[in-house]
Amino acid sequence: MTRTFIALEMNETLQGQLAKVIRQLAQALPRLNWVNPASIHLTLAFLGELDPARLEQAMQATEAAAR
């Protein structure tokens, strides 16, 4: 089973802007653990735990919808 979600990755420009904001927030709130801006994404749908067959179906449907 694979934990599955559909997400959009952020482009380099947005990652850079997020990195700047995270650096500022990290200075103000140093006790928090901040994520790497390159790891940030926008989750569109959480599909849960999928077995390999359902994962393949989800990937095909997502690719078809993106065209």
PDB file of N, CA and C in Angstrom:
ATOM      1  N   MET A   1       0.850  -1.183   0.000  1.00  0.00           N
ATOM      2  CA  MET A   1       0.000   0.000   0.000  1.00  0.00           C
ATOM      3  C   MET A   1       0.898   1.250   0.000  1.00  0.00           C
ATOM      4  N   THR A   2       0.467   2.216  -0.763  1.00  0.00           N
ATOM      5  CA  THR A   2       1.227   3.458  -0.900  1.00  0.00           C
ATOM      6  C   THR A   2       0.344   4.642  -0.536  1.00  0.00           C
ATOM      7  N   ARG A   3       0.851   5.484   0.356  1.00  0.00           N
ATOM      8  CA  ARG A   3       0.138   6.717   0.720  1.00  0.00           C
ATOM      9  C   ARG A   3       0.174   7.623  -0.507  1.00  0.00           C
ATOM     10  N   THR A   4      -0.992   8.009  -1.000  1.00  0.00           N
ATOM     11  CA  THR A   4      -1.075   8.649  -2.307  1.00  0.00           C
ATOM     12  C   THR A   4      -1.836   9.967  -2.258  1.00  0.00           C
ATOM     13  N   PHE A   5      -1.306  10.948  -2.985  1.00  0.00           N
ATOM     14  CA  PHE A   5      -2.004  12.219  -3.133  1.00  0.00           C
ATOM     15  C   PHE A   5      -1.667  12.810  -4.488  1.00  0.00           C
ATOM     16  N   ILE A   6      -2.517  13.701  -4.948  1.00  0.00           N
ATOM     17  CA  ILE A   6      -2.284  14.434  -6.191  1.00  0.00           C
ATOM     18  C   ILE A   6      -1.872  15.844  -5.790  1.00  0.00           C
ATOM     19  N   ALA A   7      -0.744  16.305  -6.329  1.00  0.00           N
ATOM     20  CA  ALA A   7      -0.220  17.601  -5.902  1.00  0.00           C
ATOM     21  C   ALA A   7       0.428  18.345  -7.062  1.00  0.00           C
ATOM     22  N   LEU A   8       0.553  19.640  -6.877  1.00  0.00           N
ATOM     23  CA  LEU A   8       1.287  20.494  -7.809  1.00  0.00           C
ATOM     24  C   LEU A   8       2.600  20.893  -7.150  1.00  0.00           C
ATOM     25  N   GLU A   9       3.688  20.770  -7.899  1.00  0.00           N
ATOM     26  CA  GLU A   9       4.976  21.243  -7.402  1.00  0.00           C
ATOM     27  C   GLU A   9       5.072  22.748  -7.642  1.00  0.00           C
ATOM     28  N   MET A  10       5.862  23.414  -6.842  1.00  0.00           N
ATOM     29  CA  MET A  10       6.069  24.852  -6.992  1.00  0.00           C
ATOM     30  C   MET A  10       7.251  25.092  -7.938  1.00  0.00           C
ATOM     31  N   ASN A  11       7.148  26.127  -8.772  1.00  0.00           N
ATOM     32  CA  ASN A  11       8.269  26.435  -9.657  1.00  0.00           C
ATOM     33  C   ASN A  11       9.395  27.092  -8.852  1.00  0.00           C
ATOM     34  N   GLU A  12      10.553  27.253  -9.484  1.00  0.00           N
ATOM     35  CA  GLU A  12      11.728  27.777  -8.782  1.00  0.00           C
ATOM     36  C   GLU A  12      11.511  29.187  -8.246  1.00  0.00           C
ATOM     37  N   THR A  13      10.790  30.014  -8.979  1.00  0.00           N
ATOM     38  CA  THR A  13      10.524  31.382  -8.528  1.00  0.00           C
ATOM     39  C   THR A  13       9.728  31.367  -7.231  1.00  0.00           C
ATOM     40  N   LEU A  14       8.677  30.588  -7.201  1.00  0.00           N
ATOM     41  CA  LEU A  14       7.853  30.501  -5.998  1.00  0.00           C
ATOM     42  C   LEU A  14       8.625  29.853  -4.855  1.00  0.00           C
ATOM     43  N   GLN A  15       9.434  28.843  -5.149  1.00  0.00           N
ATOM     44  CA  GLN A  15      10.262  28.225  -4.111  1.00  0.00           C
ATOM     45  C   GLN A  15      11.200  29.256  -3.489  1.00  0.00           C
ATOM     46  N   GLY A  16      11.771  30.120  -4.326  1.00  0.00           N
ATOM     47  CA  GLY A  16      12.654  31.167  -3.817  1.00  0.00           C
ATOM     48  C   GLY A  16      11.919  32.149  -2.923  1.00  0.00           C
ATOM     49  N   GLN A  17      10.713  32.518  -3.325  1.00  0.00           N
ATOM     50  CA  GLN A  17       9.912  33.427  -2.504  1.00  0.00           C
ATOM     51  C   GLN A  17       9.535  32.764  -1.180  1.00  0.00           C
ATOM     52  N   LEU A  18       9.163  31.495  -1.237  1.00  0.00           N
ATOM     53  CA  LEU A  18       8.825  30.766  -0.011  1.00  0.00           C
ATOM     54  C   LEU A  18      10.043  30.637   0.899  1.00  0.00           C
ATOM     55  N   ALA A  19      11.206  30.406   0.311  1.00  0.00           N
ATOM     56  CA  ALA A  19      12.433  30.294   1.100  1.00  0.00           C
ATOM     57  C   ALA A  19      12.700  31.585   1.864  1.00  0.00           C
ATOM     58  N   LYS A  20      12.474  32.715   1.215  1.00  0.00           N
ATOM     59  CA  LYS A  20      12.675  34.014   1.866  1.00  0.00           C
ATOM     60  C   LYS A  20      11.723  34.171   3.055  1.00  0.00           C
ATOM     61  N   VAL A  21      10.458  33.832   2.847  1.00  0.00           N
ATOM     62  CA  VAL A  21       9.467  33.933   3.930  1.00  0.00           C
ATOM     63  C   VAL A  21       9.824  32.976   5.061  1.00  0.00           C
ATOM     64  N   ILE A  22      10.227  31.761   4.716  1.00  0.00           N
ATOM     65  CA  ILE A  22      10.581  30.774   5.739  1.00  0.00           C
ATOM     66  C   ILE A  22      11.780  31.249   6.549  1.00  0.00           C
ATOM     67  N   ARG A  23      12.784  31.831   5.886  1.00  0.00           N
ATOM     68  CA  ARG A  23      13.948  32.355   6.624  1.00  0.00           C
ATOM     69  C   ARG A  23      13.526  33.431   7.618  1.00  0.00           C
ATOM     70  N   GLN A  24      12.636  34.326   7.189  1.00  0.00           N
ATOM     71  CA  GLN A  24      12.160  35.389   8.084  1.00  0.00           C
ATOM     72  C   GLN A  24      11.376  34.802   9.259  1.00  0.00           C
ATOM     73  N   LEU A  25      10.498  33.862   8.964  1.00  0.00           N
ATOM     74  CA  LEU A  25       9.717  33.234  10.030  1.00  0.00           C
ATOM     75  C   LEU A  25      10.608  32.433  10.974  1.00  0.00           C
ATOM     76  N   ALA A  26      11.612  31.771  10.430  1.00  0.00           N
ATOM     77  CA  ALA A  26      12.516  30.965  11.252  1.00  0.00           C
ATOM     78  C   ALA A  26      13.293  31.836  12.237  1.00  0.00           C
ATOM     79  N   GLN A  27      13.608  33.060  11.835  1.00  0.00           N
ATOM     80  CA  GLN A  27      14.286  33.977  12.757  1.00  0.00           C
ATOM     81  C   GLN A  27      13.351  34.388  13.886  1.00  0.00           C
ATOM     82  N   ALA A  28      12.085  34.594  13.551  1.00  0.00           N
ATOM     83  CA  ALA A  28      11.110  35.013  14.559  1.00  0.00           C
ATOM     84  C   ALA A  28      10.651  33.844  15.426  1.00  0.00           C
ATOM     85  N   LEU A  29      10.663  32.652  14.866  1.00  0.00           N
ATOM     86  CA  LEU A  29      10.163  31.462  15.570  1.00  0.00           C
ATOM     87  C   LEU A  29      11.190  30.331  15.468  1.00  0.00           C
ATOM     88  N   PRO A  30      12.347  30.504  16.119  1.00  0.00           N
ATOM     89  CA  PRO A  30      13.445  29.547  15.940  1.00  0.00           C
ATOM     90  C   PRO A  30      13.185  28.156  16.530  1.00  0.00           C
ATOM     91  N   ARG A  31      12.223  28.020  17.409  1.00  0.00           N
ATOM     92  CA  ARG A  31      11.971  26.705  18.018  1.00  0.00           C
ATOM     93  C   ARG A  31      11.194  25.761  17.107  1.00  0.00           C
ATOM     94  N   LEU A  32      10.624  26.291  16.052  1.00  0.00           N
ATOM     95  CA  LEU A  32       9.861  25.451  15.128  1.00  0.00           C
ATOM     96  C   LEU A  32      10.794  24.806  14.105  1.00  0.00           C
ATOM     97  N   ASN A  33      10.397  23.666  13.601  1.00  0.00           N
ATOM     98  CA  ASN A  33      11.138  22.996  12.530  1.00  0.00           C
ATOM     99  C   ASN A  33      10.507  23.387  11.199  1.00  0.00           C
ATOM    100  N   TRP A  34      11.300  23.973  10.330  1.00  0.00           N
ATOM    101  CA  TRP A  34      10.792  24.473   9.059  1.00  0.00           C
ATOM    102  C   TRP A  34      11.149  23.513   7.939  1.00  0.00           C
ATOM    103  N   VAL A  35      10.255  23.361   6.990  1.00  0.00           N
ATOM    104  CA  VAL A  35      10.489  22.455   5.869  1.00  0.00           C
ATOM    105  C   VAL A  35      11.386  23.109   4.827  1.00  0.00           C
ATOM    106  N   ASN A  36      12.024  22.276   4.044  1.00  0.00           N
ATOM    107  CA  ASN A  36      12.817  22.737   2.920  1.00  0.00           C
ATOM    108  C   ASN A  36      11.848  23.263   1.856  1.00  0.00           C
ATOM    109  N   PRO A  37      12.016  24.484   1.376  1.00  0.00           N
ATOM    110  CA  PRO A  37      11.095  25.027   0.366  1.00  0.00           C
ATOM    111  C   PRO A  37      10.974  24.146  -0.879  1.00  0.00           C
ATOM    112  N   ALA A  38      12.016  23.405  -1.210  1.00  0.00           N
ATOM    113  CA  ALA A  38      11.957  22.515  -2.372  1.00  0.00           C
ATOM    114  C   ALA A  38      10.977  21.362  -2.150  1.00  0.00           C
ATOM    115  N   SER A  39      10.617  21.112  -0.896  1.00  0.00           N
ATOM    116  CA  SER A  39       9.686  20.024  -0.571  1.00  0.00           C
ATOM    117  C   SER A  39       8.234  20.479  -0.533  1.00  0.00           C
ATOM    118  N   ILE A  40       8.005  21.768  -0.634  1.00  0.00           N
ATOM    119  CA  ILE A  40       6.644  22.290  -0.512  1.00  0.00           C
ATOM    120  C   ILE A  40       5.867  22.026  -1.802  1.00  0.00           C
ATOM    121  N   HIS A  41       4.625  21.599  -1.629  1.00  0.00           N
ATOM    122  CA  HIS A  41       3.739  21.355  -2.764  1.00  0.00           C
ATOM    123  C   HIS A  41       2.324  21.746  -2.360  1.00  0.00           C
ATOM    124  N   LEU A  42       1.456  21.810  -3.342  1.00  0.00           N
ATOM    125  CA  LEU A  42       0.046  22.105  -3.104  1.00  0.00           C
ATOM    126  C   LEU A  42      -0.742  20.824  -3.337  1.00  0.00           C
ATOM    127  N   THR A  43      -1.278  20.245  -2.262  1.00  0.00           N
ATOM    128  CA  THR A  43      -2.050  19.013  -2.386  1.00  0.00           C
ATOM    129  C   THR A  43      -3.442  19.336  -2.910  1.00  0.00           C
ATOM    130  N   LEU A  44      -3.802  18.689  -4.006  1.00  0.00           N
ATOM    131  CA  LEU A  44      -5.120  18.875  -4.608  1.00  0.00           C
ATOM    132  C   LEU A  44      -6.112  17.834  -4.100  1.00  0.00           C
ATOM    133  N   ALA A  45      -5.622  16.619  -3.893  1.00  0.00           N
ATOM    134  CA  ALA A  45      -6.494  15.539  -3.416  1.00  0.00           C
ATOM    135  C   ALA A  45      -5.656  14.500  -2.691  1.00  0.00           C
ATOM    136  N   PHE A  46      -6.145  14.039  -1.549  1.00  0.00           N
ATOM    137  CA  PHE A  46      -5.504  12.950  -0.823  1.00  0.00           C
ATOM    138  C   PHE A  46      -6.293  11.688  -1.116  1.00  0.00           C
ATOM    139  N   LEU A  47      -5.633  10.680  -1.654  1.00  0.00           N
ATOM    140  CA  LEU A  47      -6.301   9.447  -2.064  1.00  0.00           C
ATOM    141  C   LEU A  47      -6.175   8.332  -1.034  1.00  0.00           C
ATOM    142  N   GLY A  48      -5.345   8.534  -0.037  1.00  0.00           N
ATOM    143  CA  GLY A  48      -5.179   7.523   1.008  1.00  0.00           C
ATOM    144  C   GLY A  48      -4.191   6.440   0.603  1.00  0.00           C
ATOM    145  N   GLU A  49      -4.313   5.285   1.242  1.00  0.00           N
ATOM    146  CA  GLU A  49      -3.436   4.144   0.981  1.00  0.00           C
ATOM    147  C   GLU A  49      -3.990   3.353  -0.201  1.00  0.00           C
ATOM    148  N   LEU A  50      -3.194   3.223  -1.265  1.00  0.00           N
ATOM    149  CA  LEU A  50      -3.633   2.497  -2.456  1.00  0.00           C
ATOM    150  C   LEU A  50      -2.739   1.289  -2.702  1.00  0.00           C
ATOM    151  N   ASP A  51      -3.368   0.174  -3.092  1.00  0.00           N
ATOM    152  CA  ASP A  51      -2.581  -0.995  -3.492  1.00  0.00           C
ATOM    153  C   ASP A  51      -2.023  -0.724  -4.893  1.00  0.00           C
ATOM    154  N   PRO A  52      -1.061  -1.526  -5.355  1.00  0.00           N
ATOM    155  CA  PRO A  52      -0.414  -1.249  -6.645  1.00  0.00           C
ATOM    156  C   PRO A  52      -1.380  -1.109  -7.825  1.00  0.00           C
ATOM    157  N   ALA A  53      -2.419  -1.931  -7.883  1.00  0.00           N
ATOM    158  CA  ALA A  53      -3.364  -1.852  -9.005  1.00  0.00           C
ATOM    159  C   ALA A  53      -4.138  -0.538  -8.977  1.00  0.00           C
ATOM    160  N   ARG A  54      -4.611  -0.144  -7.808  1.00  0.00           N
ATOM    161  CA  ARG A  54      -5.355   1.117  -7.684  1.00  0.00           C
ATOM    162  C   ARG A  54      -4.426   2.311  -7.906  1.00  0.00           C
ATOM    163  N   LEU A  55      -3.180   2.198  -7.471  1.00  0.00           N
ATOM    164  CA  LEU A  55      -2.207   3.265  -7.698  1.00  0.00           C
ATOM    165  C   LEU A  55      -2.006   3.484  -9.197  1.00  0.00           C
ATOM    166  N   GLU A  56      -1.867   2.399  -9.940  1.00  0.00           N
ATOM    167  CA  GLU A  56      -1.703   2.504 -11.392  1.00  0.00           C
ATOM    168  C   GLU A  56      -2.925   3.157 -12.027  1.00  0.00           C
ATOM    169  N   GLN A  57      -4.114   2.786 -11.594  1.00  0.00           N
ATOM    170  CA  GLN A  57      -5.344   3.397 -12.109  1.00  0.00           C
ATOM    171  C   GLN A  57      -5.369   4.894 -11.811  1.00  0.00           C
ATOM    172  N   ALA A  58      -4.999   5.246 -10.595  1.00  0.00           N
ATOM    173  CA  ALA A  58      -4.996   6.659 -10.199  1.00  0.00           C
ATOM    174  C   ALA A  58      -3.991   7.451 -11.027  1.00  0.00           C
ATOM    175  N   MET A  59      -2.824   6.870 -11.270  1.00  0.00           N
ATOM    176  CA  MET A  59      -1.808   7.555 -12.066  1.00  0.00           C
ATOM    177  C   MET A  59      -2.289   7.755 -13.500  1.00  0.00           C
ATOM    178  N   GLN A  60      -2.897   6.743 -14.080  1.00  0.00           N
ATOM    179  CA  GLN A  60      -3.401   6.863 -15.449  1.00  0.00           C
ATOM    180  C   GLN A  60      -4.507   7.914 -15.536  1.00  0.00           C
ATOM    181  N   ALA A  61      -5.416   7.911 -14.577  1.00  0.00           N
ATOM    182  CA  ALA A  61      -6.511   8.885 -14.577  1.00  0.00           C
ATOM    183  C   ALA A  61      -5.980  10.305 -14.406  1.00  0.00           C
ATOM    184  N   THR A  62      -4.991  10.474 -13.537  1.00  0.00           N
ATOM    185  CA  THR A  62      -4.406  11.791 -13.305  1.00  0.00           C
ATOM    186  C   THR A  62      -3.690  12.289 -14.558  1.00  0.00           C
ATOM    187  N   GLU A  63      -2.918  11.413 -15.195  1.00  0.00           N
ATOM    188  CA  GLU A  63      -2.218  11.794 -16.423  1.00  0.00           C
ATOM    189  C   GLU A  63      -3.207  12.164 -17.525  1.00  0.00           C
ATOM    190  N   ALA A  64      -4.290  11.411 -17.646  1.00  0.00           N
ATOM    191  CA  ALA A  64      -5.301  11.710 -18.665  1.00  0.00           C
ATOM    192  C   ALA A  64      -5.972  13.053 -18.388  1.00  0.00           C
ATOM    193  N   ALA A  65      -6.255  13.333 -17.137  1.00  0.00           N
ATOM    194  CA  ALA A  65      -6.907  14.595 -16.774  1.00  0.00           C
ATOM    195  C   ALA A  65      -5.986  15.790 -17.004  1.00  0.00           C
ATOM    196  N   ALA A  66      -4.692  15.581 -16.898  1.00  0.00           N
ATOM    197  CA  ALA A  66      -3.730  16.674 -17.048  1.00  0.00           C
ATOM    198  C   ALA A  66      -3.500  17.058 -18.509  1.00  0.00           C
ATOM    199  N   ARG A  67      -3.933  16.224 -19.413  1.00  0.00           N
ATOM    200  CA  ARG A  67      -3.709  16.505 -20.852  1.00  0.00           C
ATOM    201  C   ARG A  67      -4.631  17.551 -21.380  1.00  0.00           C
TER     202      ARG A  67
END
